[in-house]
Amino acid sequence: MTYPLPAYRAAQRPKPKRGPSMVSMMLLLTAPAVFAAAILRPRSR
């Protein structure tokens, strides 16, 4: 017994209305913290 395959449809994802995407938002939040940690960490001599 065979069942008909459902018609393929692309997944409908709601697009953000405005503002940066999630990836760029994460980069904007984490990049300054990483740079600050690299600059402020104590230097070993």
PDB file of N, CA and C in Angstrom:
ATOM      1  N   MET A   1       0.843  -1.178   0.000  1.00  0.00           N
ATOM      2  CA  MET A   1       0.000   0.000   0.000  1.00  0.00           C
ATOM      3  C   MET A   1       0.897   1.253   0.000  1.00  0.00           C
ATOM      4  N   THR A   2       0.675   2.123  -0.917  1.00  0.00           N
ATOM      5  CA  THR A   2       1.496   3.329  -1.010  1.00  0.00           C
ATOM      6  C   THR A   2       0.652   4.554  -0.691  1.00  0.00           C
ATOM      7  N   TYR A   3       1.316   5.488  -0.040  1.00  0.00           N
ATOM      8  CA  TYR A   3       0.656   6.739   0.307  1.00  0.00           C
ATOM      9  C   TYR A   3       1.205   7.846  -0.581  1.00  0.00           C
ATOM     10  N   PRO A   4       0.366   8.760  -1.017  1.00  0.00           N
ATOM     11  CA  PRO A   4       0.878   9.875  -1.830  1.00  0.00           C
ATOM     12  C   PRO A   4       1.758  10.789  -0.987  1.00  0.00           C
ATOM     13  N   LEU A   5       2.877  11.189  -1.564  1.00  0.00           N
ATOM     14  CA  LEU A   5       3.773  12.086  -0.854  1.00  0.00           C
ATOM     15  C   LEU A   5       3.162  13.482  -0.805  1.00  0.00           C
ATOM     16  N   PRO A   6       3.332  14.169   0.309  1.00  0.00           N
ATOM     17  CA  PRO A   6       2.800  15.542   0.373  1.00  0.00           C
ATOM     18  C   PRO A   6       3.573  16.450  -0.573  1.00  0.00           C
ATOM     19  N   ALA A   7       2.881  17.407  -1.133  1.00  0.00           N
ATOM     20  CA  ALA A   7       3.536  18.361  -2.033  1.00  0.00           C
ATOM     21  C   ALA A   7       4.553  19.167  -1.243  1.00  0.00           C
ATOM     22  N   TYR A   8       5.750  19.303  -1.800  1.00  0.00           N
ATOM     23  CA  TYR A   8       6.812  20.022  -1.086  1.00  0.00           C
ATOM     24  C   TYR A   8       6.534  21.508  -1.108  1.00  0.00           C
ATOM     25  N   ARG A   9       6.636  22.107   0.065  1.00  0.00           N
ATOM     26  CA  ARG A   9       6.535  23.560   0.159  1.00  0.00           C
ATOM     27  C   ARG A   9       7.699  24.061   0.976  1.00  0.00           C
ATOM     28  N   ALA A  10       8.259  25.188   0.591  1.00  0.00           N
ATOM     29  CA  ALA A  10       9.335  25.778   1.372  1.00  0.00           C
ATOM     30  C   ALA A  10       8.761  26.235   2.709  1.00  0.00           C
ATOM     31  N   ALA A  11       9.546  26.060   3.748  1.00  0.00           N
ATOM     32  CA  ALA A  11       9.082  26.470   5.073  1.00  0.00           C
ATOM     33  C   ALA A  11       8.879  27.978   5.099  1.00  0.00           C
ATOM     34  N   GLN A  12       7.743  28.372   5.589  1.00  0.00           N
ATOM     35  CA  GLN A  12       7.434  29.797   5.661  1.00  0.00           C
ATOM     36  C   GLN A  12       7.985  30.355   6.969  1.00  0.00           C
ATOM     37  N   ARG A  13       8.996  31.208   6.851  1.00  0.00           N
ATOM     38  CA  ARG A  13       9.569  31.847   8.036  1.00  0.00           C
ATOM     39  C   ARG A  13       9.238  33.322   7.995  1.00  0.00           C
ATOM     40  N   PRO A  14       8.653  33.829   9.064  1.00  0.00           N
ATOM     41  CA  PRO A  14       8.365  35.272   9.058  1.00  0.00           C
ATOM     42  C   PRO A  14       9.656  36.077   9.050  1.00  0.00           C
ATOM     43  N   LYS A  15       9.737  37.007   8.133  1.00  0.00           N
ATOM     44  CA  LYS A  15      10.947  37.827   8.039  1.00  0.00           C
ATOM     45  C   LYS A  15      10.868  38.948   9.065  1.00  0.00           C
ATOM     46  N   PRO A  16      12.012  39.319   9.630  1.00  0.00           N
ATOM     47  CA  PRO A  16      11.989  40.438  10.583  1.00  0.00           C
ATOM     48  C   PRO A  16      11.525  41.717   9.896  1.00  0.00           C
ATOM     49  N   LYS A  17      10.703  42.468  10.578  1.00  0.00           N
ATOM     50  CA  LYS A  17      10.149  43.661   9.959  1.00  0.00           C
ATOM     51  C   LYS A  17      11.214  44.726   9.779  1.00  0.00           C
ATOM     52  N   ARG A  18      12.050  44.895  10.765  1.00  0.00           N
ATOM     53  CA  ARG A  18      13.123  45.882  10.652  1.00  0.00           C
ATOM     54  C   ARG A  18      14.207  45.540  11.655  1.00  0.00           C
ATOM     55  N   GLY A  19      15.336  46.198  11.519  1.00  0.00           N
ATOM     56  CA  GLY A  19      16.430  45.956  12.441  1.00  0.00           C
ATOM     57  C   GLY A  19      17.395  44.929  11.884  1.00  0.00           C
ATOM     58  N   PRO A  20      18.557  44.826  12.536  1.00  0.00           N
ATOM     59  CA  PRO A  20      19.582  43.898  12.058  1.00  0.00           C
ATOM     60  C   PRO A  20      19.184  42.447  12.298  1.00  0.00           C
ATOM     61  N   SER A  21      19.812  41.555  11.563  1.00  0.00           N
ATOM     62  CA  SER A  21      19.511  40.142  11.735  1.00  0.00           C
ATOM     63  C   SER A  21      20.091  39.644  13.050  1.00  0.00           C
ATOM     64  N   MET A  22      19.743  38.414  13.397  1.00  0.00           N
ATOM     65  CA  MET A  22      20.180  37.856  14.677  1.00  0.00           C
ATOM     66  C   MET A  22      21.700  37.718  14.726  1.00  0.00           C
ATOM     67  N   VAL A  23      22.301  37.314  13.610  1.00  0.00           N
ATOM     68  CA  VAL A  23      23.758  37.104  13.595  1.00  0.00           C
ATOM     69  C   VAL A  23      24.491  38.417  13.794  1.00  0.00           C
ATOM     70  N   SER A  24      24.075  39.444  13.064  1.00  0.00           N
ATOM     71  CA  SER A  24      24.760  40.726  13.199  1.00  0.00           C
ATOM     72  C   SER A  24      24.523  41.324  14.587  1.00  0.00           C
ATOM     73  N   MET A  25      23.365  41.059  15.161  1.00  0.00           N
ATOM     74  CA  MET A  25      23.102  41.551  16.506  1.00  0.00           C
ATOM     75  C   MET A  25      24.026  40.878  17.514  1.00  0.00           C
ATOM     76  N   MET A  26      24.242  39.571  17.369  1.00  0.00           N
ATOM     77  CA  MET A  26      25.141  38.862  18.278  1.00  0.00           C
ATOM     78  C   MET A  26      26.573  39.367  18.104  1.00  0.00           C
ATOM     79  N   LEU A  27      26.986  39.629  16.868  1.00  0.00           N
ATOM     80  CA  LEU A  27      28.334  40.148  16.641  1.00  0.00           C
ATOM     81  C   LEU A  27      28.493  41.533  17.261  1.00  0.00           C
ATOM     82  N   LEU A  28      27.460  42.362  17.135  1.00  0.00           N
ATOM     83  CA  LEU A  28      27.528  43.698  17.717  1.00  0.00           C
ATOM     84  C   LEU A  28      27.638  43.637  19.240  1.00  0.00           C
ATOM     85  N   LEU A  29      27.029  42.619  19.834  1.00  0.00           N
ATOM     86  CA  LEU A  29      27.065  42.519  21.295  1.00  0.00           C
ATOM     87  C   LEU A  29      28.347  41.875  21.805  1.00  0.00           C
ATOM     88  N   THR A  30      28.869  40.887  21.075  1.00  0.00           N
ATOM     89  CA  THR A  30      30.003  40.126  21.604  1.00  0.00           C
ATOM     90  C   THR A  30      31.356  40.701  21.195  1.00  0.00           C
ATOM     91  N   ALA A  31      31.445  41.337  20.041  1.00  0.00           N
ATOM     92  CA  ALA A  31      32.742  41.838  19.587  1.00  0.00           C
ATOM     93  C   ALA A  31      33.364  42.847  20.555  1.00  0.00           C
ATOM     94  N   PRO A  32      32.637  43.845  21.045  1.00  0.00           N
ATOM     95  CA  PRO A  32      33.266  44.782  21.993  1.00  0.00           C
ATOM     96  C   PRO A  32      33.718  44.090  23.268  1.00  0.00           C
ATOM     97  N   ALA A  33      32.957  43.093  23.727  1.00  0.00           N
ATOM     98  CA  ALA A  33      33.343  42.390  24.952  1.00  0.00           C
ATOM     99  C   ALA A  33      34.634  41.606  24.741  1.00  0.00           C
ATOM    100  N   VAL A  34      34.765  40.988  23.580  1.00  0.00           N
ATOM    101  CA  VAL A  34      35.981  40.217  23.292  1.00  0.00           C
ATOM    102  C   VAL A  34      37.184  41.151  23.199  1.00  0.00           C
ATOM    103  N   PHE A  35      37.013  42.261  22.503  1.00  0.00           N
ATOM    104  CA  PHE A  35      38.127  43.210  22.390  1.00  0.00           C
ATOM    105  C   PHE A  35      38.506  43.790  23.749  1.00  0.00           C
ATOM    106  N   ALA A  36      37.511  44.118  24.561  1.00  0.00           N
ATOM    107  CA  ALA A  36      37.803  44.677  25.882  1.00  0.00           C
ATOM    108  C   ALA A  36      38.531  43.657  26.752  1.00  0.00           C
ATOM    109  N   ALA A  37      38.116  42.400  26.679  1.00  0.00           N
ATOM    110  CA  ALA A  37      38.785  41.371  27.478  1.00  0.00           C
ATOM    111  C   ALA A  37      40.227  41.193  27.021  1.00  0.00           C
ATOM    112  N   ALA A  38      40.459  41.263  25.708  1.00  0.00           N
ATOM    113  CA  ALA A  38      41.816  41.106  25.198  1.00  0.00           C
ATOM    114  C   ALA A  38      42.699  42.289  25.601  1.00  0.00           C
ATOM    115  N   ILE A  39      42.130  43.480  25.625  1.00  0.00           N
ATOM    116  CA  ILE A  39      42.924  44.672  25.963  1.00  0.00           C
ATOM    117  C   ILE A  39      43.169  44.764  27.469  1.00  0.00           C
ATOM    118  N   LEU A  40      42.159  44.437  28.261  1.00  0.00           N
ATOM    119  CA  LEU A  40      42.240  44.657  29.700  1.00  0.00           C
ATOM    120  C   LEU A  40      42.893  43.530  30.473  1.00  0.00           C
ATOM    121  N   ARG A  41      43.107  42.379  29.824  1.00  0.00           N
ATOM    122  CA  ARG A  41      43.697  41.269  30.600  1.00  0.00           C
ATOM    123  C   ARG A  41      45.142  41.606  30.976  1.00  0.00           C
ATOM    124  N   PRO A  42      45.562  41.145  32.150  1.00  0.00           N
ATOM    125  CA  PRO A  42      46.918  41.463  32.583  1.00  0.00           C
ATOM    126  C   PRO A  42      47.974  40.805  31.691  1.00  0.00           C
ATOM    127  N   ARG A  43      48.999  41.563  31.395  1.00  0.00           N
ATOM    128  CA  ARG A  43      50.066  41.020  30.549  1.00  0.00           C
ATOM    129  C   ARG A  43      51.076  40.274  31.420  1.00  0.00           C
ATOM    130  N   SER A  44      51.467  39.105  30.979  1.00  0.00           N
ATOM    131  CA  SER A  44      52.482  38.350  31.749  1.00  0.00           C
ATOM    132  C   SER A  44      53.865  38.689  31.198  1.00  0.00           C
ATOM    133  N   ARG A  45      54.807  39.025  32.096  1.00  0.00           N
ATOM    134  CA  ARG A  45      56.150  39.385  31.645  1.00  0.00           C
ATOM    135  C   ARG A  45      57.164  38.408  32.177  1.00  0.00           C
TER     136      ARG A  45
END
